[in-house]
Amino acid sequence: MELRGRKLLFISQKAGFFGGVERYIFQVGALLRKQGVELWGAFAEMARDSERFRAGFDRLLPITELPELDRDFALVGVHKLSDNTLLQDLLERYGERLALFVHDHDVYCPRSHKYFPFTRRNCQLPYARLLCGCCGMAISPRRWSGGLRGELREKFSLFPERFACYRHFPHLVVLSQFMRDNLVANGFAPERITLIPPHIPVAEPAPVRSAATADAPPRIIFIGQLIRGKGADMLLRLLPLLRQPYRVEIIGDGKDRAMLEALALSLGVADRVEFSGWCLTPEEKMATADLAVLPFRWQEPFGLVVAECAAAGLPVAAFALGGVGESLIHGETGLMATPGDLAELARHCDRLLGDAALRQQMGQRGRELIRTKFCQERVLAGYDALLTRIAVATGGAGNTGNAGNA
């Protein structure tokens, strides 16, 4: 199906660069527009660097203006939205043209993180209203929305209603097989799910990294939000276990930054750790680093930053968890450890820090993997398949590009 002339609408919470969801929207939007797609966006709030983000759309408007829009979109993609009334309105308004892009576990997990409170063990159970509602309540009262009454309403009324609404979406899009399996386990119909990998550009030529010296040891980077699930504290805790020389840059920001800075001091590693804050162009950091250590605690739905590191020729050390394996092949593009095993992860890091040739070999293999698996041809084929399914379901009605308007 010809993409040129198609009119698409993306709906989400934040217009700006906040996390992986927003980077995905921006990157895939740029790819689709290069193919002649007319891309509209509707968002609830502005986020960091919103002007640059806005430039990625033919038209961007507040989410409050959605009811005034025409219905002539070939695809309406919902990325991050938790307003039950608006979700139901979208279902009624766009019907078969509506697709839910499932980026996170919050579609079927009231806690959003898919791990148990207190034990912090990752959860493998499907959603159940009573069990998951009680689990979701196990957070600090400071984080309750609207006090106890409001939080009870969210976990035992609004979330179940939203979950049922999500299950009525005619199309669902995931970025990884891991997330497809999670949806099926939670009762979503497999035939409604389309796996469309993200487009990960591979910059040419490959980055040329400086050789490590006694004065400039290999550089480890961590990129991500500074929150518990991303595991920056796990990186800090493994540093005293390393035998090879190193320096570390932690790139990102979040509510745990002060705690992490204090932790680095208490562990005696603060003199080798730099907290550089949020970065608009993380690919530049990846191009000059020697190793990425990404010890996620939670089950990453895809792990976009892992794939981006591979695209930059940067080997990754991480836990074998969630969707990380989509772009990290153990022994080929990096090394994976048993989830939570810091000693094993430290051994992997030592091996990579001490072997420049191995780092280069794994970095090259990572670029080859990304170039093949996450190329624009596969992404566009996925969107083409989704639009074809929508056209069949609607009898070809709706926006059909220039030919349909002739």
Protein backbone atom coordinates (compact mmCIF):
# COMPACT_ATOMS: atom_id res chain seq x y z
CA MET A 1 0.00 0.00 0.00
CA GLU A 2 1.34 3.43 -0.95
CA LEU A 3 2.20 5.51 2.13
CA ARG A 4 2.56 8.79 0.26
CA GLY A 5 -0.41 11.06 0.80
CA ARG A 6 -1.67 9.14 3.82
CA LYS A 7 -2.82 11.20 6.78
CA LEU A 8 -1.90 9.84 10.23
CA LEU A 9 -2.64 11.10 13.72
CA PHE A 10 -0.49 10.31 16.77
CA ILE A 11 -1.96 10.97 20.23
CA SER A 12 0.05 10.98 23.44
CA GLN A 13 0.61 12.74 26.75
CA LYS A 14 3.84 14.70 26.30
CA ALA A 15 4.96 16.81 23.34
CA GLY A 16 8.69 16.91 23.91
CA PHE A 17 11.64 14.71 24.78
CA PHE A 18 10.81 12.99 28.06
CA GLY A 19 11.65 9.31 27.53
CA GLY A 20 11.71 6.44 25.06
CA VAL A 21 8.06 6.86 24.00
CA GLU A 22 8.62 10.42 22.88
CA ARG A 23 11.89 9.55 21.09
CA TYR A 24 10.07 6.76 19.27
CA ILE A 25 7.26 9.09 18.16
CA PHE A 26 9.76 11.65 16.91
CA GLN A 27 11.99 9.17 15.08
CA VAL A 28 9.27 7.13 13.40
CA GLY A 29 7.43 10.34 12.55
CA ALA A 30 10.48 11.64 10.70
CA LEU A 31 10.71 8.39 8.76
CA LEU A 32 7.02 8.40 7.82
CA ARG A 33 7.12 12.03 6.70
CA LYS A 34 10.06 11.24 4.41
CA GLN A 35 7.73 8.77 2.69
CA GLY A 36 5.18 11.52 2.05
CA VAL A 37 2.92 10.83 5.03
CA GLU A 38 1.06 13.83 6.47
CA LEU A 39 1.57 13.50 10.22
CA TRP A 40 -0.60 15.20 12.81
CA GLY A 41 -0.10 15.10 16.57
CA ALA A 42 -2.36 15.76 19.55
CA PHE A 43 -0.78 16.04 23.01
CA ALA A 44 -1.91 16.86 26.54
CA GLU A 45 1.15 18.81 27.70
CA MET A 46 4.45 20.28 26.58
CA ALA A 47 7.72 18.67 27.67
CA ARG A 48 11.45 19.36 27.30
CA ASP A 49 12.56 20.90 23.97
CA SER A 50 8.97 21.01 22.70
CA GLU A 51 9.78 23.33 19.79
CA ARG A 52 12.15 20.81 18.24
CA PHE A 53 9.59 18.08 18.86
CA ARG A 54 6.84 20.20 17.27
CA ALA A 55 8.90 20.52 14.08
CA GLY A 56 8.46 16.77 13.53
CA PHE A 57 4.77 17.18 12.66
CA ASP A 58 2.82 18.75 9.84
CA ARG A 59 0.38 19.94 12.48
CA LEU A 60 0.46 19.68 16.27
CA LEU A 61 -2.48 20.63 18.47
CA PRO A 62 -3.68 20.34 22.07
CA ILE A 63 -5.48 17.14 22.94
CA THR A 64 -8.53 19.21 23.88
CA GLU A 65 -9.10 19.97 20.18
CA LEU A 66 -9.52 16.29 19.23
CA PRO A 67 -13.35 16.43 19.17
CA GLU A 68 -13.16 19.16 16.51
CA LEU A 69 -11.02 17.15 14.08
CA ASP A 70 -12.32 15.49 10.95
CA ARG A 71 -12.29 11.71 10.87
CA ASP A 72 -10.31 11.35 7.63
CA PHE A 73 -7.18 9.75 9.11
CA ALA A 74 -5.92 6.46 7.70
CA LEU A 75 -4.54 5.61 11.16
CA VAL A 76 -5.02 7.08 14.61
CA GLY A 77 -2.23 5.87 16.89
CA VAL A 78 -2.62 6.23 20.66
CA HIS A 79 0.77 6.07 22.40
CA LYS A 80 0.34 7.25 26.01
CA LEU A 81 -3.15 8.09 27.22
CA SER A 82 -4.96 7.26 30.45
CA ASP A 83 -8.09 9.43 30.22
CA ASN A 84 -10.88 6.85 30.23
CA THR A 85 -13.50 9.17 28.76
CA LEU A 86 -11.24 10.25 25.93
CA LEU A 87 -10.23 6.65 25.18
CA GLN A 88 -13.86 5.64 24.88
CA ASP A 89 -14.61 8.66 22.69
CA LEU A 90 -11.73 7.72 20.38
CA LEU A 91 -13.02 4.16 20.07
CA GLU A 92 -16.45 5.41 19.08
CA ARG A 93 -15.10 8.10 16.76
CA TYR A 94 -12.41 6.24 14.82
CA GLY A 95 -13.37 2.58 15.17
CA GLU A 96 -11.21 0.31 13.03
CA ARG A 97 -8.70 3.09 12.28
CA LEU A 98 -7.61 3.17 15.92
CA ALA A 99 -4.40 1.48 17.11
CA LEU A 100 -2.93 1.34 20.61
CA PHE A 101 0.88 1.49 20.64
CA VAL A 102 1.87 -0.48 23.73
CA HIS A 103 5.17 0.97 24.92
CA ASP A 104 4.91 0.11 28.62
CA HIS A 105 3.41 -2.29 31.14
CA ASP A 106 0.90 0.30 32.36
CA VAL A 107 -1.68 -1.11 29.94
CA TYR A 108 -2.11 -4.21 32.13
CA CYS A 109 -0.23 -3.39 35.38
CA PRO A 110 -1.67 -0.87 37.89
CA ARG A 111 1.84 -0.39 39.34
CA SER A 112 3.14 0.26 35.79
CA HIS A 113 6.50 -1.39 36.57
CA LYS A 114 5.52 -5.09 36.56
CA TYR A 115 7.34 -5.96 39.76
CA PHE A 116 6.13 -6.71 43.27
CA PRO A 117 6.36 -4.19 46.10
CA PHE A 118 8.70 -4.90 49.02
CA THR A 119 10.46 -7.89 47.40
CA ARG A 120 11.04 -5.99 44.13
CA ARG A 121 10.83 -9.28 42.25
CA ASN A 122 9.62 -9.02 38.67
CA CYS A 123 6.04 -10.13 38.17
CA GLN A 124 5.03 -12.71 35.56
CA LEU A 125 1.31 -12.84 36.45
CA PRO A 126 -1.50 -11.61 34.18
CA TYR A 127 -3.75 -8.80 35.34
CA ALA A 128 -6.39 -9.68 37.95
CA ARG A 129 -8.55 -6.91 39.37
CA LEU A 130 -8.37 -7.76 43.09
CA LEU A 131 -4.78 -9.02 43.30
CA CYS A 132 -3.29 -6.32 41.07
CA GLY A 133 -5.42 -3.60 42.63
CA CYS A 134 -4.09 -4.48 46.09
CA CYS A 135 -0.53 -4.68 44.74
CA GLY A 136 -0.97 -1.28 43.10
CA MET A 137 -2.00 0.28 46.41
CA ALA A 138 1.35 -0.66 47.97
CA ILE A 139 3.01 2.69 47.33
CA SER A 140 3.82 5.62 49.56
CA PRO A 141 0.69 7.59 50.58
CA ARG A 142 2.53 10.67 49.28
CA ARG A 143 2.02 9.28 45.78
CA TRP A 144 -1.68 8.55 46.16
CA SER A 145 -3.75 10.45 43.64
CA GLY A 146 -6.54 12.25 45.47
CA GLY A 147 -5.79 10.66 48.83
CA LEU A 148 -6.90 7.21 49.89
CA ARG A 149 -10.34 7.53 48.30
CA GLY A 150 -8.86 8.72 45.00
CA GLU A 151 -6.25 5.96 44.92
CA LEU A 152 -8.83 3.26 45.67
CA ARG A 153 -10.98 4.61 42.84
CA GLU A 154 -8.02 4.58 40.45
CA LYS A 155 -6.88 1.04 41.26
CA PHE A 156 -10.26 -0.68 41.62
CA SER A 157 -12.53 1.29 39.28
CA LEU A 158 -10.73 3.47 36.74
CA PHE A 159 -7.88 1.07 35.94
CA PRO A 160 -10.16 -1.96 35.33
CA GLU A 161 -12.35 0.25 33.15
CA ARG A 162 -9.30 1.45 31.21
CA PHE A 163 -7.96 -2.10 30.83
CA ALA A 164 -11.31 -3.21 29.37
CA CYS A 165 -11.23 -0.23 27.01
CA TYR A 166 -7.72 -1.10 25.81
CA ARG A 167 -8.86 -4.65 25.09
CA HIS A 168 -11.51 -3.25 22.74
CA PHE A 169 -8.94 -1.50 20.55
CA PRO A 170 -9.15 -3.08 17.09
CA HIS A 171 -5.38 -2.89 16.55
CA LEU A 172 -2.40 -3.04 18.90
CA VAL A 173 1.20 -2.27 17.98
CA VAL A 174 4.23 -3.51 19.91
CA LEU A 175 7.95 -2.98 19.40
CA SER A 176 9.10 -6.37 20.69
CA GLN A 177 8.11 -10.03 20.83
CA PHE A 178 8.36 -9.73 24.61
CA MET A 179 5.54 -7.19 24.68
CA ARG A 180 3.46 -9.22 22.25
CA ASP A 181 3.74 -12.19 24.60
CA ASN A 182 2.71 -10.00 27.54
CA LEU A 183 -0.40 -8.80 25.73
CA VAL A 184 -1.44 -12.33 24.78
CA ALA A 185 -0.90 -13.47 28.39
CA ASN A 186 -3.26 -10.69 29.46
CA GLY A 187 -6.05 -11.77 27.16
CA PHE A 188 -5.46 -9.56 24.12
CA ALA A 189 -6.32 -11.25 20.83
CA PRO A 190 -3.10 -12.26 18.99
CA GLU A 191 -4.61 -11.51 15.58
CA ARG A 192 -5.03 -7.86 16.56
CA ILE A 193 -1.35 -7.40 17.42
CA THR A 194 1.18 -6.07 14.91
CA LEU A 195 4.89 -6.09 15.74
CA ILE A 196 6.57 -3.07 14.18
CA PRO A 197 10.20 -2.67 15.23
CA PRO A 198 11.44 0.87 15.84
CA HIS A 199 13.67 2.52 13.29
CA ILE A 200 17.18 2.81 14.71
CA PRO A 201 19.46 4.79 12.36
CA VAL A 202 23.05 3.58 12.10
CA ALA A 203 25.34 6.57 11.67
CA GLU A 204 28.08 6.36 9.07
CA PRO A 205 30.98 6.16 9.32
CA ALA A 206 31.38 4.13 12.47
CA PRO A 207 32.64 6.13 15.47
CA VAL A 208 36.40 6.03 16.00
CA ARG A 209 37.18 5.68 19.68
CA SER A 210 40.42 6.82 21.29
CA ALA A 211 42.62 4.16 22.87
CA ALA A 212 42.43 4.00 26.64
CA THR A 213 45.49 5.06 28.64
CA ALA A 214 46.48 5.13 32.30
CA ASP A 215 45.38 8.77 32.43
CA ALA A 216 42.22 8.14 30.40
CA PRO A 217 40.84 4.69 31.28
CA PRO A 218 37.88 3.15 29.43
CA ARG A 219 34.70 5.18 29.79
CA ILE A 220 31.45 3.57 30.96
CA ILE A 221 28.17 5.35 30.32
CA PHE A 222 24.68 4.92 31.72
CA ILE A 223 21.81 6.63 29.88
CA GLY A 224 18.33 6.79 31.34
CA GLN A 225 15.98 8.35 33.83
CA LEU A 226 17.35 8.39 37.36
CA ILE A 227 14.57 6.33 38.89
CA ARG A 228 14.72 2.98 40.67
CA GLY A 229 13.55 0.82 37.76
CA LYS A 230 16.37 1.98 35.46
CA GLY A 231 19.03 0.70 37.87
CA ALA A 232 21.61 3.50 38.04
CA ASP A 233 22.14 2.57 41.69
CA MET A 234 22.97 -0.99 40.58
CA LEU A 235 25.71 0.43 38.37
CA LEU A 236 27.16 2.37 41.29
CA ARG A 237 27.06 -0.69 43.55
CA LEU A 238 28.98 -2.83 41.08
CA LEU A 239 31.80 -0.31 40.64
CA PRO A 240 33.69 -1.36 43.82
CA LEU A 241 33.67 -4.92 42.43
CA LEU A 242 35.57 -3.94 39.27
CA ARG A 243 39.25 -4.80 38.91
CA GLN A 244 39.87 -2.93 35.68
CA PRO A 245 40.35 0.86 35.65
CA TYR A 246 37.33 2.88 34.55
CA ARG A 247 35.56 6.22 34.60
CA VAL A 248 31.77 6.59 34.53
CA GLU A 249 29.34 9.14 33.14
CA ILE A 250 25.70 8.94 34.24
CA ILE A 251 23.57 10.70 31.64
CA GLY A 252 20.01 11.54 32.57
CA ASP A 253 17.96 13.13 35.30
CA GLY A 254 15.21 12.17 37.69
CA LYS A 255 13.96 12.17 41.24
CA ASP A 256 16.74 9.84 42.49
CA ARG A 257 19.68 12.01 41.44
CA ALA A 258 20.52 13.36 44.91
CA MET A 259 20.29 9.87 46.40
CA LEU A 260 22.58 8.49 43.69
CA GLU A 261 25.17 11.23 44.22
CA ALA A 262 25.16 10.45 47.94
CA LEU A 263 25.47 6.73 47.18
CA ALA A 264 28.53 7.34 44.97
CA LEU A 265 30.15 9.19 47.87
CA SER A 266 29.34 6.47 50.40
CA LEU A 267 30.75 3.78 48.09
CA GLY A 268 33.99 5.71 47.58
CA VAL A 269 33.60 5.99 43.80
CA ALA A 270 32.45 9.62 43.46
CA ASP A 271 35.86 10.74 42.12
CA ARG A 272 35.38 8.47 39.08
CA VAL A 273 31.68 9.17 38.46
CA GLU A 274 30.26 12.21 36.65
CA PHE A 275 26.56 13.07 36.73
CA SER A 276 26.07 15.09 33.55
CA GLY A 277 22.27 15.43 33.57
CA TRP A 278 19.81 15.21 30.72
CA CYS A 279 21.26 15.21 27.20
CA LEU A 280 19.50 16.18 23.97
CA THR A 281 21.96 14.24 21.79
CA PRO A 282 22.84 11.00 23.63
CA GLU A 283 24.21 9.52 20.40
CA GLU A 284 27.20 11.86 20.74
CA LYS A 285 27.93 10.41 24.18
CA MET A 286 27.60 6.88 22.81
CA ALA A 287 30.07 7.62 20.01
CA THR A 288 32.87 8.46 22.45
CA ALA A 289 32.18 5.89 25.20
CA ASP A 290 33.77 2.44 25.47
CA LEU A 291 31.03 0.50 27.25
CA ALA A 292 27.37 1.02 28.18
CA VAL A 293 26.24 -0.56 31.45
CA LEU A 294 22.43 -0.63 31.69
CA PRO A 295 21.41 -2.73 34.71
CA PHE A 296 17.65 -2.31 34.45
CA ARG A 297 15.67 -3.59 37.42
CA TRP A 298 12.34 -3.71 35.67
CA GLN A 299 11.39 -5.67 32.57
CA GLU A 300 12.14 -3.16 29.84
CA PRO A 301 9.42 -3.48 27.19
CA PHE A 302 12.03 -2.94 24.47
CA GLY A 303 15.02 -1.01 25.76
CA LEU A 304 15.44 1.63 23.07
CA VAL A 305 18.70 2.89 24.55
CA VAL A 306 20.22 -0.61 24.25
CA ALA A 307 19.51 -0.64 20.52
CA GLU A 308 20.79 2.93 20.12
CA CYS A 309 24.06 1.98 21.81
CA ALA A 310 24.44 -0.99 19.47
CA ALA A 311 23.82 1.32 16.50
CA ALA A 312 26.69 3.48 17.73
CA GLY A 313 29.01 0.47 17.87
CA LEU A 314 28.98 0.46 21.66
CA PRO A 315 28.89 -2.90 23.46
CA VAL A 316 26.36 -3.21 26.28
CA ALA A 317 26.43 -5.04 29.61
CA ALA A 318 22.98 -5.59 31.12
CA PHE A 319 20.74 -8.06 32.90
CA ALA A 320 18.91 -10.68 30.79
CA LEU A 321 15.50 -9.19 31.39
CA GLY A 322 12.43 -8.09 29.43
CA GLY A 323 12.87 -6.92 25.86
CA VAL A 324 16.60 -6.22 26.15
CA GLY A 325 17.36 -9.37 24.15
CA GLU A 326 15.76 -7.83 21.06
CA SER A 327 18.97 -5.88 20.42
CA LEU A 328 21.51 -7.41 22.81
CA ILE A 329 22.80 -10.84 21.83
CA HIS A 330 24.92 -12.34 24.60
CA GLY A 331 28.48 -12.94 23.46
CA GLU A 332 27.94 -11.09 20.17
CA THR A 333 26.85 -7.49 20.79
CA GLY A 334 27.49 -7.42 24.53
CA LEU A 335 27.15 -9.51 27.65
CA MET A 336 24.09 -10.31 29.77
CA ALA A 337 24.01 -11.39 33.41
CA THR A 338 21.43 -13.17 35.52
CA PRO A 339 18.93 -10.51 36.71
CA GLY A 340 20.10 -8.94 39.96
CA ASP A 341 23.48 -10.72 40.03
CA LEU A 342 25.90 -7.82 40.45
CA ALA A 343 28.96 -10.06 40.80
CA GLU A 344 28.27 -11.68 37.42
CA LEU A 345 27.59 -8.33 35.78
CA ALA A 346 30.83 -6.95 37.25
CA ARG A 347 32.78 -9.88 35.77
CA HIS A 348 31.26 -9.13 32.36
CA CYS A 349 32.23 -5.47 32.71
CA ASP A 350 35.79 -6.37 33.69
CA ARG A 351 36.08 -8.64 30.67
CA LEU A 352 34.96 -5.87 28.33
CA LEU A 353 36.95 -3.11 30.01
CA GLY A 354 40.12 -5.16 29.73
CA ASP A 355 39.77 -6.17 26.07
CA ALA A 356 39.62 -3.34 23.52
CA ALA A 357 39.58 -5.78 20.59
CA LEU A 358 36.53 -7.57 22.02
CA ARG A 359 34.74 -4.25 22.51
CA GLN A 360 35.43 -3.30 18.92
CA GLN A 361 34.28 -6.71 17.64
CA MET A 362 31.03 -6.59 19.62
CA GLY A 363 30.45 -2.98 18.61
CA GLN A 364 30.75 -3.85 14.93
CA ARG A 365 28.42 -6.83 15.32
CA GLY A 366 25.93 -4.56 17.08
CA ARG A 367 25.90 -2.15 14.16
CA GLU A 368 25.33 -5.03 11.75
CA LEU A 369 22.44 -6.34 13.85
CA ILE A 370 20.70 -2.96 14.06
CA ARG A 371 21.27 -2.23 10.38
CA THR A 372 19.50 -5.50 9.50
CA LYS A 373 16.83 -5.86 12.18
CA PHE A 374 15.76 -2.25 12.69
CA CYS A 375 16.16 -0.84 9.20
CA GLN A 376 13.61 1.56 7.74
CA GLU A 377 12.41 -1.05 5.24
CA ARG A 378 11.15 -3.33 8.03
CA VAL A 379 9.50 -0.43 9.86
CA LEU A 380 7.74 0.80 6.74
CA ALA A 381 6.64 -2.74 5.89
CA GLY A 382 5.07 -2.96 9.35
CA TYR A 383 3.12 0.27 8.88
CA ASP A 384 2.12 -0.85 5.41
CA ALA A 385 0.76 -4.13 6.82
CA LEU A 386 -1.16 -2.27 9.54
CA LEU A 387 -2.69 0.20 7.09
CA THR A 388 -3.63 -2.65 4.76
CA ARG A 389 -5.45 -4.43 7.60
CA ILE A 390 -7.30 -1.22 8.44
CA ALA A 391 -8.26 -0.69 4.80
CA VAL A 392 -9.63 -4.23 4.57
CA ALA A 393 -11.59 -3.79 7.81
CA THR A 394 -13.08 -0.47 6.69
CA GLY A 395 -13.67 -1.44 3.09
CA GLY A 396 -11.10 1.11 1.98
CA ALA A 397 -12.96 3.98 3.62
CA GLY A 398 -11.19 6.99 5.11
CA ASN A 399 -8.02 8.71 4.03
CA THR A 400 -6.51 6.80 1.13
CA GLY A 401 -3.94 9.26 -0.11
CA ASN A 402 -3.90 11.13 -3.40
CA ALA A 403 -5.50 8.36 -5.38
CA GLY A 404 -8.49 8.31 -3.06
CA ASN A 405 -8.92 12.08 -3.36
CA ALA A 406 -8.71 12.24 -7.11
